[in-house]
């Protein structure tokens, strides 16, 4: 049974962070919906955004042909 998560994106900063996370996931080739759900479940916080950014940064650097610039 799936869990229903209340959509906490109510202010402009949370919306901006969610869009930023979606763009980051798309650039990394990840499942955008899955990443967005994970971010919303974490409360759309700056800390959650930073954690996801760091995860995808490491993934990009570790992958063959990853950007090193």
PDB file of N, CA and C in Angstrom:
ATOM      1  N   UNK A   1       0.846  -1.174   0.000  1.00  0.00           N
ATOM      2  CA  UNK A   1       0.000   0.000   0.000  1.00  0.00           C
ATOM      3  C   UNK A   1       0.896   1.243   0.000  1.00  0.00           C
ATOM      4  N   UNK A   2       0.633   2.154  -0.878  1.00  0.00           N
ATOM      5  CA  UNK A   2       1.470   3.341  -0.960  1.00  0.00           C
ATOM      6  C   UNK A   2       1.026   4.389   0.052  1.00  0.00           C
ATOM      7  N   UNK A   3       1.981   5.201   0.417  1.00  0.00           N
ATOM      8  CA  UNK A   3       1.729   6.245   1.396  1.00  0.00           C
ATOM      9  C   UNK A   3       1.424   7.550   0.682  1.00  0.00           C
ATOM     10  N   UNK A   4       0.449   8.267   1.160  1.00  0.00           N
ATOM     11  CA  UNK A   4       0.103   9.565   0.592  1.00  0.00           C
ATOM     12  C   UNK A   4       0.827  10.632   1.392  1.00  0.00           C
ATOM     13  N   UNK A   5       1.583  11.467   0.681  1.00  0.00           N
ATOM     14  CA  UNK A   5       2.340  12.527   1.333  1.00  0.00           C
ATOM     15  C   UNK A   5       1.652  13.854   1.043  1.00  0.00           C
ATOM     16  N   UNK A   6       1.394  14.613   2.086  1.00  0.00           N
ATOM     17  CA  UNK A   6       0.808  15.941   1.903  1.00  0.00           C
ATOM     18  C   UNK A   6       1.803  16.820   1.154  1.00  0.00           C
ATOM     19  N   UNK A   7       1.324  17.631   0.259  1.00  0.00           N
ATOM     20  CA  UNK A   7       2.198  18.468  -0.550  1.00  0.00           C
ATOM     21  C   UNK A   7       2.518  19.734   0.224  1.00  0.00           C
ATOM     22  N   UNK A   8       3.735  19.825   0.808  1.00  0.00           N
ATOM     23  CA  UNK A   8       4.065  20.945   1.683  1.00  0.00           C
ATOM     24  C   UNK A   8       4.570  22.190   0.954  1.00  0.00           C
ATOM     25  N   UNK A   9       4.561  22.163  -0.372  1.00  0.00           N
ATOM     26  CA  UNK A   9       5.102  23.291  -1.125  1.00  0.00           C
ATOM     27  C   UNK A   9       4.075  24.410  -1.132  1.00  0.00           C
ATOM     28  N   UNK A  10       4.245  25.339  -0.217  1.00  0.00           N
ATOM     29  CA  UNK A  10       3.270  26.411  -0.064  1.00  0.00           C
ATOM     30  C   UNK A  10       3.870  27.790  -0.335  1.00  0.00           C
ATOM     31  N   UNK A  11       5.145  27.935  -0.126  1.00  0.00           N
ATOM     32  CA  UNK A  11       5.764  29.246  -0.335  1.00  0.00           C
ATOM     33  C   UNK A  11       6.685  29.224  -1.563  1.00  0.00           C
ATOM     34  N   UNK A  12       7.088  30.391  -1.980  1.00  0.00           N
ATOM     35  CA  UNK A  12       7.880  30.498  -3.204  1.00  0.00           C
ATOM     36  C   UNK A  12       9.258  29.855  -3.058  1.00  0.00           C
ATOM     37  N   UNK A  13       9.857  29.922  -1.885  1.00  0.00           N
ATOM     38  CA  UNK A  13      11.173  29.329  -1.694  1.00  0.00           C
ATOM     39  C   UNK A  13      11.111  27.804  -1.819  1.00  0.00           C
ATOM     40  N   UNK A  14      10.091  27.182  -1.263  1.00  0.00           N
ATOM     41  CA  UNK A  14       9.940  25.730  -1.391  1.00  0.00           C
ATOM     42  C   UNK A  14       9.705  25.336  -2.842  1.00  0.00           C
ATOM     43  N   UNK A  15       8.913  26.113  -3.551  1.00  0.00           N
ATOM     44  CA  UNK A  15       8.678  25.832  -4.978  1.00  0.00           C
ATOM     45  C   UNK A  15       9.970  25.958  -5.768  1.00  0.00           C
ATOM     46  N   UNK A  16      10.755  26.975  -5.464  1.00  0.00           N
ATOM     47  CA  UNK A  16      12.036  27.162  -6.133  1.00  0.00           C
ATOM     48  C   UNK A  16      12.958  25.982  -5.861  1.00  0.00           C
ATOM     49  N   UNK A  17      13.041  25.545  -4.610  1.00  0.00           N
ATOM     50  CA  UNK A  17      13.895  24.410  -4.264  1.00  0.00           C
ATOM     51  C   UNK A  17      13.438  23.142  -4.972  1.00  0.00           C
ATOM     52  N   UNK A  18      12.117  22.917  -5.038  1.00  0.00           N
ATOM     53  CA  UNK A  18      11.590  21.736  -5.713  1.00  0.00           C
ATOM     54  C   UNK A  18      11.942  21.766  -7.197  1.00  0.00           C
ATOM     55  N   UNK A  19      11.792  22.901  -7.846  1.00  0.00           N
ATOM     56  CA  UNK A  19      12.161  23.012  -9.260  1.00  0.00           C
ATOM     57  C   UNK A  19      13.658  22.803  -9.449  1.00  0.00           C
ATOM     58  N   UNK A  20      14.454  23.307  -8.533  1.00  0.00           N
ATOM     59  CA  UNK A  20      15.896  23.128  -8.598  1.00  0.00           C
ATOM     60  C   UNK A  20      16.262  21.649  -8.490  1.00  0.00           C
ATOM     61  N   UNK A  21      15.618  20.944  -7.575  1.00  0.00           N
ATOM     62  CA  UNK A  21      15.871  19.514  -7.399  1.00  0.00           C
ATOM     63  C   UNK A  21      15.430  18.745  -8.643  1.00  0.00           C
ATOM     64  N   UNK A  22      14.307  19.126  -9.221  1.00  0.00           N
ATOM     65  CA  UNK A  22      13.854  18.456 -10.450  1.00  0.00           C
ATOM     66  C   UNK A  22      14.850  18.648 -11.589  1.00  0.00           C
ATOM     67  N   UNK A  23      15.354  19.868 -11.760  1.00  0.00           N
ATOM     68  CA  UNK A  23      16.340  20.124 -12.821  1.00  0.00           C
ATOM     69  C   UNK A  23      17.623  19.333 -12.578  1.00  0.00           C
ATOM     70  N   UNK A  24      18.057  19.283 -11.335  1.00  0.00           N
ATOM     71  CA  UNK A  24      19.264  18.559 -10.974  1.00  0.00           C
ATOM     72  C   UNK A  24      19.098  17.066 -11.290  1.00  0.00           C
ATOM     73  N   UNK A  25      17.959  16.504 -10.946  1.00  0.00           N
ATOM     74  CA  UNK A  25      17.704  15.088 -11.208  1.00  0.00           C
ATOM     75  C   UNK A  25      17.658  14.814 -12.711  1.00  0.00           C
ATOM     76  N   UNK A  26      17.050  15.712 -13.464  1.00  0.00           N
ATOM     77  CA  UNK A  26      16.975  15.539 -14.912  1.00  0.00           C
ATOM     78  C   UNK A  26      18.372  15.571 -15.534  1.00  0.00           C
ATOM     79  N   UNK A  27      19.215  16.491 -15.084  1.00  0.00           N
ATOM     80  CA  UNK A  27      20.588  16.574 -15.594  1.00  0.00           C
ATOM     81  C   UNK A  27      21.376  15.311 -15.280  1.00  0.00           C
ATOM     82  N   UNK A  28      21.098  14.719 -14.115  1.00  0.00           N
ATOM     83  CA  UNK A  28      21.830  13.521 -13.695  1.00  0.00           C
ATOM     84  C   UNK A  28      21.259  12.254 -14.323  1.00  0.00           C
ATOM     85  N   UNK A  29      20.116  12.375 -15.002  1.00  0.00           N
ATOM     86  CA  UNK A  29      19.508  11.208 -15.617  1.00  0.00           C
ATOM     87  C   UNK A  29      18.735  10.345 -14.633  1.00  0.00           C
ATOM     88  N   UNK A  30      18.367  10.913 -13.511  1.00  0.00           N
ATOM     89  CA  UNK A  30      17.631  10.178 -12.483  1.00  0.00           C
ATOM     90  C   UNK A  30      16.125  10.263 -12.748  1.00  0.00           C
ATOM     91  N   UNK A  31      15.371   9.461 -12.030  1.00  0.00           N
ATOM     92  CA  UNK A  31      13.911   9.496 -12.101  1.00  0.00           C
ATOM     93  C   UNK A  31      13.443  10.765 -11.379  1.00  0.00           C
ATOM     94  N   UNK A  32      12.999  11.739 -12.151  1.00  0.00           N
ATOM     95  CA  UNK A  32      12.650  13.052 -11.604  1.00  0.00           C
ATOM     96  C   UNK A  32      11.520  12.942 -10.591  1.00  0.00           C
ATOM     97  N   UNK A  33      10.518  12.142 -10.898  1.00  0.00           N
ATOM     98  CA  UNK A  33       9.377  12.011  -9.968  1.00  0.00           C
ATOM     99  C   UNK A  33       9.804  11.388  -8.646  1.00  0.00           C
ATOM    100  N   UNK A  34      10.653  10.377  -8.717  1.00  0.00           N
ATOM    101  CA  UNK A  34      11.116   9.711  -7.494  1.00  0.00           C
ATOM    102  C   UNK A  34      11.913  10.688  -6.628  1.00  0.00           C
ATOM    103  N   UNK A  35      12.795  11.443  -7.268  1.00  0.00           N
ATOM    104  CA  UNK A  35      13.615  12.405  -6.522  1.00  0.00           C
ATOM    105  C   UNK A  35      12.735  13.502  -5.927  1.00  0.00           C
ATOM    106  N   UNK A  36      11.748  13.972  -6.691  1.00  0.00           N
ATOM    107  CA  UNK A  36      10.845  15.008  -6.186  1.00  0.00           C
ATOM    108  C   UNK A  36      10.044  14.491  -4.989  1.00  0.00           C
ATOM    109  N   UNK A  37       9.572  13.254  -5.076  1.00  0.00           N
ATOM    110  CA  UNK A  37       8.828  12.672  -3.943  1.00  0.00           C
ATOM    111  C   UNK A  37       9.715  12.573  -2.709  1.00  0.00           C
ATOM    112  N   UNK A  38      10.953  12.161  -2.911  1.00  0.00           N
ATOM    113  CA  UNK A  38      11.891  12.056  -1.786  1.00  0.00           C
ATOM    114  C   UNK A  38      12.131  13.429  -1.153  1.00  0.00           C
ATOM    115  N   UNK A  39      12.271  14.437  -1.997  1.00  0.00           N
ATOM    116  CA  UNK A  39      12.501  15.796  -1.506  1.00  0.00           C
ATOM    117  C   UNK A  39      11.288  16.326  -0.744  1.00  0.00           C
ATOM    118  N   UNK A  40      10.102  16.099  -1.278  1.00  0.00           N
ATOM    119  CA  UNK A  40       8.876  16.549  -0.604  1.00  0.00           C
ATOM    120  C   UNK A  40       8.710  15.815   0.721  1.00  0.00           C
ATOM    121  N   UNK A  41       9.027  14.518   0.739  1.00  0.00           N
ATOM    122  CA  UNK A  41       8.926  13.745   1.985  1.00  0.00           C
ATOM    123  C   UNK A  41       9.888  14.270   3.043  1.00  0.00           C
ATOM    124  N   UNK A  42      11.008  14.839   2.591  1.00  0.00           N
ATOM    125  CA  UNK A  42      11.988  15.400   3.525  1.00  0.00           C
ATOM    126  C   UNK A  42      11.611  16.807   3.979  1.00  0.00           C
ATOM    127  N   UNK A  43      10.500  17.334   3.462  1.00  0.00           N
ATOM    128  CA  UNK A  43      10.011  18.627   3.918  1.00  0.00           C
ATOM    129  C   UNK A  43      10.472  19.818   3.102  1.00  0.00           C
ATOM    130  N   UNK A  44      11.050  19.576   1.939  1.00  0.00           N
ATOM    131  CA  UNK A  44      11.501  20.664   1.047  1.00  0.00           C
ATOM    132  C   UNK A  44      12.495  21.598   1.732  1.00  0.00           C
ATOM    133  N   UNK A  45      13.317  21.048   2.592  1.00  0.00           N
ATOM    134  CA  UNK A  45      14.258  21.885   3.335  1.00  0.00           C
ATOM    135  C   UNK A  45      15.525  22.132   2.529  1.00  0.00           C
ATOM    136  N   UNK A  46      16.242  23.148   2.892  1.00  0.00           N
ATOM    137  CA  UNK A  46      17.519  23.457   2.257  1.00  0.00           C
ATOM    138  C   UNK A  46      18.513  22.327   2.507  1.00  0.00           C
ATOM    139  N   UNK A  47      18.461  21.728   3.687  1.00  0.00           N
ATOM    140  CA  UNK A  47      19.359  20.611   3.999  1.00  0.00           C
ATOM    141  C   UNK A  47      19.090  19.420   3.080  1.00  0.00           C
ATOM    142  N   UNK A  48      17.817  19.126   2.822  1.00  0.00           N
ATOM    143  CA  UNK A  48      17.473  18.027   1.917  1.00  0.00           C
ATOM    144  C   UNK A  48      17.935  18.338   0.505  1.00  0.00           C
ATOM    145  N   UNK A  49      17.794  19.587   0.079  1.00  0.00           N
ATOM    146  CA  UNK A  49      18.253  19.993  -1.243  1.00  0.00           C
ATOM    147  C   UNK A  49      19.775  19.821  -1.345  1.00  0.00           C
ATOM    148  N   UNK A  50      20.493  20.228  -0.321  1.00  0.00           N
ATOM    149  CA  UNK A  50      21.948  20.088  -0.308  1.00  0.00           C
ATOM    150  C   UNK A  50      22.375  18.625  -0.334  1.00  0.00           C
ATOM    151  N   UNK A  51      21.670  17.768   0.422  1.00  0.00           N
ATOM    152  CA  UNK A  51      21.991  16.346   0.440  1.00  0.00           C
ATOM    153  C   UNK A  51      21.808  15.725  -0.948  1.00  0.00           C
ATOM    154  N   UNK A  52      20.709  16.062  -1.605  1.00  0.00           N
ATOM    155  CA  UNK A  52      20.468  15.535  -2.950  1.00  0.00           C
ATOM    156  C   UNK A  52      21.499  16.068  -3.943  1.00  0.00           C
ATOM    157  N   UNK A  53      21.832  17.332  -3.840  1.00  0.00           N
ATOM    158  CA  UNK A  53      22.827  17.917  -4.739  1.00  0.00           C
ATOM    159  C   UNK A  53      24.179  17.227  -4.555  1.00  0.00           C
ATOM    160  N   UNK A  54      24.562  16.974  -3.335  1.00  0.00           N
ATOM    161  CA  UNK A  54      25.831  16.305  -3.071  1.00  0.00           C
ATOM    162  C   UNK A  54      25.814  14.871  -3.595  1.00  0.00           C
ATOM    163  N   UNK A  55      24.697  14.172  -3.415  1.00  0.00           N
ATOM    164  CA  UNK A  55      24.582  12.806  -3.903  1.00  0.00           C
ATOM    165  C   UNK A  55      24.757  12.755  -5.427  1.00  0.00           C
ATOM    166  N   UNK A  56      24.089  13.648  -6.142  1.00  0.00           N
ATOM    167  CA  UNK A  56      24.179  13.638  -7.591  1.00  0.00           C
ATOM    168  C   UNK A  56      25.500  14.206  -8.088  1.00  0.00           C
ATOM    169  N   UNK A  57      26.110  15.080  -7.334  1.00  0.00           N
ATOM    170  CA  UNK A  57      27.438  15.567  -7.696  1.00  0.00           C
ATOM    171  C   UNK A  57      28.441  14.424  -7.633  1.00  0.00           C
ATOM    172  N   UNK A  58      28.386  13.648  -6.570  1.00  0.00           N
ATOM    173  CA  UNK A  58      29.294  12.500  -6.428  1.00  0.00           C
ATOM    174  C   UNK A  58      29.023  11.455  -7.497  1.00  0.00           C
ATOM    175  N   UNK A  59      27.747  11.228  -7.787  1.00  0.00           N
ATOM    176  CA  UNK A  59      27.375  10.261  -8.823  1.00  0.00           C
ATOM    177  C   UNK A  59      27.916  10.693 -10.180  1.00  0.00           C
ATOM    178  N   UNK A  60      27.809  11.975 -10.500  1.00  0.00           N
ATOM    179  CA  UNK A  60      28.291  12.497 -11.775  1.00  0.00           C
ATOM    180  C   UNK A  60      29.807  12.380 -11.872  1.00  0.00           C
ATOM    181  N   UNK A  61      30.508  12.710 -10.796  1.00  0.00           N
ATOM    182  CA  UNK A  61      31.965  12.632 -10.812  1.00  0.00           C
ATOM    183  C   UNK A  61      32.461  11.190 -10.877  1.00  0.00           C
ATOM    184  N   UNK A  62      31.702  10.259 -10.299  1.00  0.00           N
ATOM    185  CA  UNK A  62      32.116   8.860 -10.281  1.00  0.00           C
ATOM    186  C   UNK A  62      31.797   8.150 -11.591  1.00  0.00           C
ATOM    187  N   UNK A  63      30.871   8.674 -12.363  1.00  0.00           N
ATOM    188  CA  UNK A  63      30.490   8.007 -13.612  1.00  0.00           C
ATOM    189  C   UNK A  63      31.518   8.283 -14.689  1.00  0.00           C
ATOM    190  N   UNK A  64      31.703   7.335 -15.594  1.00  0.00           N
ATOM    191  CA  UNK A  64      32.646   7.555 -16.699  1.00  0.00           C
ATOM    192  C   UNK A  64      32.201   8.754 -17.549  1.00  0.00           C
ATOM    193  N   UNK A  65      33.133   9.624 -17.835  1.00  0.00           N
ATOM    194  CA  UNK A  65      32.801  10.809 -18.642  1.00  0.00           C
ATOM    195  C   UNK A  65      32.124  11.894 -17.855  1.00  0.00           C
ATOM    196  N   UNK A  66      32.147  11.789 -16.510  1.00  0.00           N
ATOM    197  CA  UNK A  66      31.522  12.814 -15.669  1.00  0.00           C
ATOM    198  C   UNK A  66      32.247  14.144 -15.786  1.00  0.00           C
ATOM    199  N   UNK A  67      31.534  15.201 -15.577  1.00  0.00           N
ATOM    200  CA  UNK A  67      32.133  16.533 -15.672  1.00  0.00           C
ATOM    201  C   UNK A  67      33.122  16.716 -14.520  1.00  0.00           C
ATOM    202  N   UNK A  68      34.288  17.197 -14.849  1.00  0.00           N
ATOM    203  CA  UNK A  68      35.294  17.444 -13.831  1.00  0.00           C
ATOM    204  C   UNK A  68      35.556  18.937 -13.689  1.00  0.00           C
ATOM    205  N   UNK A  69      34.890  19.743 -14.468  1.00  0.00           N
ATOM    206  CA  UNK A  69      35.130  21.189 -14.461  1.00  0.00           C
ATOM    207  C   UNK A  69      34.558  21.858 -13.264  1.00  0.00           C
TER     208      UNK A  69
END
